[in-house]
C-alpha atoms as a PDB file:
ATOM      1  CA  MET A   1     -13.608  11.506  30.425  1.00  0.00           C
ATOM      2  CA  ALA A   2     -14.870  13.171  27.255  1.00  0.00           C
ATOM      3  CA  LEU A   3     -11.371  14.468  26.511  1.00  0.00           C
ATOM      4  CA  ARG A   4      -9.941  10.943  26.756  1.00  0.00           C
ATOM      5  CA  LYS A   5     -12.631   9.599  24.402  1.00  0.00           C
ATOM      6  CA  HIS A   6     -11.951  12.426  21.963  1.00  0.00           C
ATOM      7  CA  ARG A   7      -8.228  11.633  21.991  1.00  0.00           C
ATOM      8  CA  THR A   8      -8.958   7.943  21.489  1.00  0.00           C
ATOM      9  CA  ASP A   9     -11.258   8.660  18.553  1.00  0.00           C
ATOM     10  CA  ALA A  10      -8.630  10.917  17.002  1.00  0.00           C
ATOM     11  CA  ALA A  11      -5.958   8.258  17.486  1.00  0.00           C
ATOM     12  CA  VAL A  12      -8.150   5.605  15.873  1.00  0.00           C
ATOM     13  CA  ALA A  13      -8.893   7.885  12.922  1.00  0.00           C
ATOM     14  CA  ALA A  14      -5.197   8.689  12.475  1.00  0.00           C
ATOM     15  CA  ARG A  15      -4.261   5.003  12.631  1.00  0.00           C
ATOM     16  CA  GLU A  16      -6.895   4.118  10.030  1.00  0.00           C
ATOM     17  CA  ALA A  17      -5.636   6.874   7.738  1.00  0.00           C
ATOM     18  CA  ASP A  18      -2.063   5.582   8.072  1.00  0.00           C
ATOM     19  CA  THR A  19      -3.212   2.029   7.381  1.00  0.00           C
ATOM     20  CA  ALA A  20      -5.071   3.124   4.254  1.00  0.00           C
ATOM     21  CA  ARG A  21      -1.977   4.982   3.062  1.00  0.00           C
ATOM     22  CA  ILE A  22       0.245   1.954   3.683  1.00  0.00           C
ATOM     23  CA  ASP A  23      -2.230  -0.333   1.895  1.00  0.00           C
ATOM     24  CA  ALA A  24      -2.302   1.995  -1.107  1.00  0.00           C
ATOM     25  CA  SER A  25       1.504   2.121  -1.201  1.00  0.00           C
ATOM     26  CA  ALA A  26       1.727  -1.666  -0.990  1.00  0.00           C
ATOM     27  CA  TYR A  27      -0.755  -1.939  -3.864  1.00  0.00           C
ATOM     28  CA  TRP A  28       1.351   0.290  -6.129  1.00  0.00           C
ATOM     29  CA  VAL A  29       4.592  -1.478  -5.186  1.00  0.00           C
ATOM     30  CA  CYS A  30       3.067  -4.874  -5.965  1.00  0.00           C
ATOM     31  CA  LEU A  31       1.677  -3.573  -9.240  1.00  0.00           C
ATOM     32  CA  ALA A  32       5.077  -2.179 -10.232  1.00  0.00           C
ATOM     33  CA  LEU A  33       6.769  -5.485  -9.382  1.00  0.00           C
ATOM     34  CA  LEU A  34       4.200  -7.399 -11.401  1.00  0.00           C
ATOM     35  CA  LEU A  35       4.724  -5.159 -14.424  1.00  0.00           C
ATOM     36  CA  ALA A  36       8.510  -5.505 -14.085  1.00  0.00           C
ATOM     37  CA  MET A  37       8.235  -9.304 -13.993  1.00  0.00           C
ATOM     38  CA  ILE A  38       5.981  -9.332 -17.057  1.00  0.00           C
ATOM     39  CA  THR A  39       8.401  -7.069 -18.923  1.00  0.00           C
ATOM     40  CA  LEU A  40      11.349  -9.271 -17.969  1.00  0.00           C
ATOM     41  CA  ALA A  41       9.479 -12.402 -19.046  1.00  0.00           C
ATOM     42  CA  MET A  42       8.651 -10.819 -22.407  1.00  0.00           C
ATOM     43  CA  ARG A  43      12.307  -9.867 -22.967  1.00  0.00           C
ATOM     44  CA  ILE A  44      13.491 -13.375 -22.099  1.00  0.00           C
ATOM     45  CA  ALA A  45      10.861 -14.900 -24.386  1.00  0.00           C
ATOM     46  CA  SER A  46      11.857 -12.627 -27.254  1.00  0.00           C
ATOM     47  CA  LEU A  47      15.487 -13.791 -26.987  1.00  0.00           C
ATOM     48  CA  TRP A  48      14.504 -17.430 -27.554  1.00  0.00           C
END
């Protein structure tokens, strides 16, 4: 029984680590997209 609980705890910890990594990646992707949109908007505005 203790072995099963240990495996479950390890699985939960691994899943949380993966989730944190995915959340961090999503944050950087969204930030990069936001900066790209701002840059594009500035270029379009400078043409007018």
